[in-house]
N, C-alpha and C. Protein backbone atom coordinates (compact mmCIF):
# COMPACT_ATOMS: atom_id res chain seq x y z
N MET A 1 -9.97 -19.43 3.65
CA MET A 1 -8.56 -20.17 3.56
C MET A 1 -8.96 -21.34 2.42
N LEU A 2 -7.98 -21.35 1.88
CA LEU A 2 -7.99 -22.61 0.74
C LEU A 2 -7.30 -23.96 1.59
N SER A 3 -8.08 -25.03 0.86
CA SER A 3 -7.11 -26.40 1.72
C SER A 3 -6.35 -26.29 0.57
N SER A 4 -5.29 -27.56 0.90
CA SER A 4 -4.00 -27.98 0.04
C SER A 4 -4.96 -28.39 -1.55
N LYS A 5 -5.75 -29.15 -1.36
CA LYS A 5 -6.54 -29.91 -2.29
C LYS A 5 -7.03 -28.69 -3.29
N GLN A 6 -7.61 -27.58 -2.81
CA GLN A 6 -7.89 -26.24 -3.39
C GLN A 6 -6.86 -25.34 -4.14
N ARG A 7 -6.16 -25.56 -3.21
CA ARG A 7 -4.71 -25.06 -3.90
C ARG A 7 -4.54 -25.43 -5.42
N ALA A 8 -4.32 -26.89 -5.32
CA ALA A 8 -3.71 -27.72 -5.76
C ALA A 8 -4.37 -27.50 -7.43
N TYR A 9 -5.76 -27.42 -6.92
CA TYR A 9 -6.84 -27.51 -8.22
C TYR A 9 -6.53 -25.89 -8.87
N LEU A 10 -6.52 -24.73 -8.17
CA LEU A 10 -6.21 -23.57 -8.62
C LEU A 10 -5.17 -23.26 -9.52
N ARG A 11 -3.73 -24.07 -8.80
CA ARG A 11 -2.31 -24.06 -9.38
C ARG A 11 -2.45 -24.77 -10.95
N SER A 12 -3.27 -25.78 -10.93
CA SER A 12 -3.88 -26.27 -12.17
C SER A 12 -4.30 -25.66 -13.49
N LEU A 13 -5.31 -24.68 -12.92
CA LEU A 13 -5.66 -24.10 -13.35
C LEU A 13 -5.10 -22.68 -13.87
N ALA A 14 -4.52 -21.88 -13.45
CA ALA A 14 -3.31 -21.33 -13.61
C ALA A 14 -1.87 -21.19 -14.28
N ASN A 15 -2.08 -22.69 -14.60
CA ASN A 15 -0.88 -23.38 -15.33
C ASN A 15 -0.61 -22.85 -16.63
N SER A 16 -2.06 -22.75 -17.28
CA SER A 16 -1.93 -22.37 -18.40
C SER A 16 -2.00 -20.77 -18.76
N GLU A 17 -2.32 -19.92 -17.66
CA GLU A 17 -2.70 -18.50 -17.91
C GLU A 17 -1.53 -17.87 -18.30
N GLN A 18 -1.62 -16.79 -18.51
CA GLN A 18 -0.61 -15.70 -19.22
C GLN A 18 -0.40 -14.75 -17.77
N PRO A 19 0.78 -13.94 -17.27
CA PRO A 19 0.43 -13.16 -16.30
C PRO A 19 0.03 -11.84 -17.00
N ILE A 20 -0.80 -11.54 -16.20
CA ILE A 20 -1.37 -10.17 -16.55
C ILE A 20 -1.28 -8.91 -15.45
N LEU A 21 -0.15 -9.32 -14.62
CA LEU A 21 0.21 -8.01 -13.86
C LEU A 21 1.85 -8.47 -14.33
N HIS A 22 2.10 -7.08 -13.83
CA HIS A 22 4.17 -7.21 -13.99
C HIS A 22 4.51 -5.70 -12.96
N ALA A 23 5.11 -6.51 -11.94
CA ALA A 23 5.82 -5.40 -11.50
C ALA A 23 7.09 -5.16 -11.52
N GLY A 24 7.55 -4.03 -11.54
CA GLY A 24 8.67 -3.61 -11.96
C GLY A 24 9.72 -3.04 -10.57
N LYS A 25 10.28 -2.07 -11.01
CA LYS A 25 11.58 -1.38 -9.89
C LYS A 25 10.20 -0.27 -9.20
N ASN A 26 9.14 0.18 -9.73
CA ASN A 26 8.39 0.84 -8.76
C ASN A 26 7.55 -0.35 -7.90
N GLY A 27 7.72 -1.44 -7.75
CA GLY A 27 7.04 -2.37 -6.94
C GLY A 27 5.28 -2.20 -6.91
N VAL A 28 4.65 -2.04 -5.78
CA VAL A 28 3.20 -2.21 -6.14
C VAL A 28 2.64 -0.94 -5.90
N SER A 29 1.83 -0.17 -6.88
CA SER A 29 1.66 1.10 -7.36
C SER A 29 -0.15 1.08 -7.25
N ASP A 30 -0.77 2.40 -7.12
CA ASP A 30 -2.03 2.22 -7.31
C ASP A 30 -2.72 1.91 -8.72
N ALA A 31 -2.28 1.81 -9.48
CA ALA A 31 -3.02 1.51 -10.56
C ALA A 31 -2.51 0.07 -10.62
N MET A 32 -1.44 -0.51 -10.26
CA MET A 32 -1.57 -2.00 -10.25
C MET A 32 -2.79 -2.75 -9.56
N LEU A 33 -2.56 -2.23 -8.38
CA LEU A 33 -3.82 -2.72 -7.38
C LEU A 33 -5.08 -2.77 -8.02
N LYS A 34 -5.37 -1.20 -8.62
CA LYS A 34 -6.81 -1.08 -9.31
C LYS A 34 -6.90 -2.47 -10.45
N GLN A 35 -6.01 -2.58 -11.18
CA GLN A 35 -5.89 -3.38 -12.58
C GLN A 35 -6.04 -4.85 -11.58
N ALA A 36 -5.29 -5.32 -10.30
CA ALA A 36 -5.61 -6.55 -9.98
C ALA A 36 -6.79 -6.84 -9.36
N ASP A 37 -7.65 -5.91 -8.87
CA ASP A 37 -8.71 -5.56 -8.23
C ASP A 37 -10.03 -5.69 -9.25
N ASP A 38 -9.59 -5.37 -10.46
CA ASP A 38 -10.61 -5.49 -11.57
C ASP A 38 -10.36 -6.61 -12.26
N ALA A 39 -9.49 -7.35 -12.33
CA ALA A 39 -8.99 -8.75 -13.15
C ALA A 39 -9.38 -9.90 -12.02
N LEU A 40 -9.40 -9.56 -10.86
CA LEU A 40 -10.19 -10.54 -9.90
C LEU A 40 -11.65 -10.64 -9.95
N ALA A 41 -11.86 -9.35 -10.17
CA ALA A 41 -13.48 -9.01 -10.35
C ALA A 41 -13.81 -10.15 -11.52
N ALA A 42 -13.33 -9.98 -12.53
CA ALA A 42 -13.99 -10.65 -13.64
C ALA A 42 -13.59 -11.96 -14.01
N ARG A 43 -12.10 -12.38 -13.23
CA ARG A 43 -11.65 -13.93 -13.51
C ARG A 43 -11.32 -14.50 -12.50
N GLU A 44 -11.51 -14.15 -11.33
CA GLU A 44 -11.31 -14.79 -9.79
C GLU A 44 -9.80 -15.27 -9.79
N LEU A 45 -9.23 -15.76 -11.03
CA LEU A 45 -7.72 -16.15 -10.88
C LEU A 45 -7.13 -15.48 -11.78
N ILE A 46 -5.65 -14.95 -11.06
CA ILE A 46 -4.70 -14.23 -12.13
C ILE A 46 -3.19 -14.75 -11.61
N LYS A 47 -2.45 -14.22 -12.70
CA LYS A 47 -1.19 -14.55 -12.36
C LYS A 47 -0.53 -13.61 -12.39
N GLY A 48 0.52 -13.25 -12.14
CA GLY A 48 1.68 -11.83 -12.22
C GLY A 48 3.32 -12.28 -12.19
N ARG A 49 3.85 -11.26 -12.48
CA ARG A 49 5.08 -11.85 -12.65
C ARG A 49 5.88 -10.41 -12.02
N VAL A 50 6.97 -10.47 -11.29
CA VAL A 50 7.74 -9.64 -10.87
C VAL A 50 9.09 -9.63 -11.58
N LEU A 51 9.41 -8.60 -11.86
CA LEU A 51 10.52 -8.42 -13.04
C LEU A 51 11.77 -8.34 -12.10
N GLU A 52 13.13 -8.56 -12.61
CA GLU A 52 14.25 -8.65 -11.79
C GLU A 52 14.75 -7.39 -11.13
N SER A 53 13.95 -6.26 -11.61
CA SER A 53 14.82 -4.49 -11.06
C SER A 53 13.50 -4.44 -10.13
N SER A 54 12.68 -5.41 -9.40
CA SER A 54 11.74 -5.02 -8.46
C SER A 54 12.49 -4.90 -7.17
N PRO A 55 12.28 -4.30 -6.13
CA PRO A 55 13.01 -4.16 -5.12
C PRO A 55 12.81 -5.04 -3.99
N VAL A 56 11.50 -5.46 -4.19
CA VAL A 56 10.73 -6.36 -2.99
C VAL A 56 10.64 -7.99 -3.94
N THR A 57 10.95 -9.02 -3.08
CA THR A 57 10.82 -10.49 -3.46
C THR A 57 9.46 -10.60 -3.92
N PRO A 58 9.23 -11.67 -4.99
CA PRO A 58 8.03 -11.97 -5.55
C PRO A 58 7.02 -12.62 -4.21
N ARG A 59 7.17 -13.12 -3.40
CA ARG A 59 6.47 -13.30 -2.27
C ARG A 59 6.09 -12.06 -1.40
N GLU A 60 6.92 -11.12 -1.12
CA GLU A 60 6.09 -10.05 -0.44
C GLU A 60 5.23 -9.04 -1.37
N LEU A 61 5.78 -9.10 -2.66
CA LEU A 61 4.99 -8.34 -3.40
C LEU A 61 3.59 -8.90 -3.89
N ALA A 62 3.56 -10.53 -4.13
CA ALA A 62 2.06 -11.19 -3.73
C ALA A 62 1.45 -10.89 -2.45
N GLU A 63 2.07 -11.04 -1.55
CA GLU A 63 1.17 -10.76 -0.30
C GLU A 63 0.58 -9.34 -0.04
N ASN A 64 1.60 -8.31 -0.56
CA ASN A 64 1.20 -7.07 -0.31
C ASN A 64 0.00 -6.90 -1.07
N ILE A 65 -0.12 -7.25 -2.24
CA ILE A 65 -1.21 -6.89 -3.35
C ILE A 65 -2.51 -7.87 -2.78
N ALA A 66 -2.21 -9.22 -2.33
CA ALA A 66 -3.64 -9.98 -2.08
C ALA A 66 -4.29 -9.29 -0.78
N ALA A 67 -3.47 -8.73 0.08
CA ALA A 67 -4.04 -8.23 1.43
C ALA A 67 -4.67 -6.87 1.14
N SER A 68 -4.32 -5.88 -0.32
CA SER A 68 -5.02 -4.96 -0.51
C SER A 68 -6.04 -5.35 -1.37
N VAL A 69 -5.99 -6.53 -1.80
CA VAL A 69 -7.61 -6.55 -2.57
C VAL A 69 -8.25 -7.62 -1.98
N ASN A 70 -7.82 -8.15 -1.05
CA ASN A 70 -8.62 -9.21 -0.20
C ASN A 70 -9.04 -10.26 -1.18
N ALA A 71 -7.54 -10.74 -1.51
CA ALA A 71 -7.46 -11.66 -2.22
C ALA A 71 -6.36 -13.16 -1.48
N GLU A 72 -6.13 -14.02 -1.67
CA GLU A 72 -5.36 -15.15 -1.52
C GLU A 72 -4.48 -15.66 -2.42
N VAL A 73 -2.98 -15.46 -1.81
CA VAL A 73 -2.03 -15.93 -2.67
C VAL A 73 -2.02 -17.54 -2.75
N VAL A 74 -2.26 -18.07 -3.65
CA VAL A 74 -2.18 -19.65 -4.40
C VAL A 74 -1.12 -20.33 -4.39
N GLN A 75 -0.17 -19.37 -5.03
CA GLN A 75 1.43 -20.30 -5.23
C GLN A 75 2.32 -18.50 -5.74
N VAL A 76 3.63 -19.07 -5.38
CA VAL A 76 4.56 -17.87 -5.27
C VAL A 76 5.97 -18.99 -6.22
N ILE A 77 6.03 -18.90 -7.39
CA ILE A 77 7.20 -20.16 -7.88
C ILE A 77 7.91 -19.04 -8.54
N GLY A 78 9.49 -19.05 -8.54
CA GLY A 78 10.30 -18.47 -9.13
C GLY A 78 9.77 -16.72 -8.97
N ARG A 79 9.68 -16.29 -10.16
CA ARG A 79 9.34 -14.47 -10.20
C ARG A 79 7.85 -14.43 -10.67
N ASN A 80 6.88 -15.71 -10.69
CA ASN A 80 5.57 -15.32 -10.65
C ASN A 80 4.63 -15.62 -9.76
N PHE A 81 3.67 -15.27 -9.46
CA PHE A 81 2.59 -15.78 -8.57
C PHE A 81 0.93 -15.94 -9.19
N VAL A 82 0.57 -16.51 -8.40
CA VAL A 82 -0.84 -16.58 -8.34
C VAL A 82 -2.05 -15.98 -7.59
N LEU A 83 -2.83 -15.51 -7.73
CA LEU A 83 -3.73 -14.62 -6.53
C LEU A 83 -5.06 -15.36 -7.03
N TYR A 84 -5.79 -15.56 -6.15
CA TYR A 84 -7.54 -16.03 -6.21
C TYR A 84 -8.41 -15.13 -5.12
N ARG A 85 -9.28 -14.66 -5.86
CA ARG A 85 -10.48 -13.93 -4.70
C ARG A 85 -11.69 -14.56 -5.55
N ARG A 86 -12.50 -15.41 -4.59
CA ARG A 86 -14.15 -15.78 -5.22
C ARG A 86 -15.08 -14.67 -5.35
N ARG A 87 -15.84 -15.12 -6.20
CA ARG A 87 -16.75 -14.00 -6.48
C ARG A 87 -17.87 -14.04 -5.59
N PRO A 88 -18.63 -12.96 -5.05
CA PRO A 88 -19.56 -13.75 -3.69
C PRO A 88 -20.64 -14.02 -4.43
N LYS A 89 -21.06 -13.60 -5.85
CA LYS A 89 -22.38 -14.15 -6.59
C LYS A 89 -21.70 -14.89 -7.63
N GLU A 90 -22.49 -15.97 -7.92
CA GLU A 90 -21.93 -16.63 -9.37
C GLU A 90 -20.47 -16.94 -9.09
N PRO A 91 -19.70 -17.64 -8.37
CA PRO A 91 -18.55 -17.98 -8.67
C PRO A 91 -18.50 -18.60 -9.92
N ALA A 92 -17.30 -18.42 -10.68
CA ALA A 92 -16.87 -18.86 -12.19
C ALA A 92 -16.27 -20.14 -11.70
N ILE A 93 -15.09 -20.59 -10.47
CA ILE A 93 -14.70 -21.33 -10.46
C ILE A 93 -15.05 -22.22 -9.30
N GLN A 94 -15.50 -23.44 -9.28
CA GLN A 94 -15.93 -24.31 -8.75
C GLN A 94 -14.98 -25.36 -7.97
N LEU A 95 -14.67 -24.95 -6.61
CA LEU A 95 -13.33 -25.42 -5.96
C LEU A 95 -13.88 -26.87 -5.56
N PRO A 96 -12.92 -27.84 -5.17
CA PRO A 96 -13.54 -28.83 -4.71
C PRO A 96 -13.43 -29.05 -3.32
N ARG A 97 -14.14 -29.77 -2.49
CA ARG A 97 -13.99 -29.59 -1.25
C ARG A 97 -13.51 -30.27 -0.40
């Protein structure tokens, strides 16, 4: 569970990132979950975007993906969302305490 200070730090890091996940009318697919899992393993922090044609809200989509890939939702703002998953060995992002 992330503290508010840790969330704020992760939000600041994600601010300059471009969305790498895009969800449209098909919602969450197995390919999207695989892409999210791979990206989180490589980066720890990813940003996604929900297109207007999506049948689910950005919050629902972010929570579904996070639950499927064992990540945490850092923020959902507008149609964008940010996910974080700490690497078990050698984390790339040092969170404040």
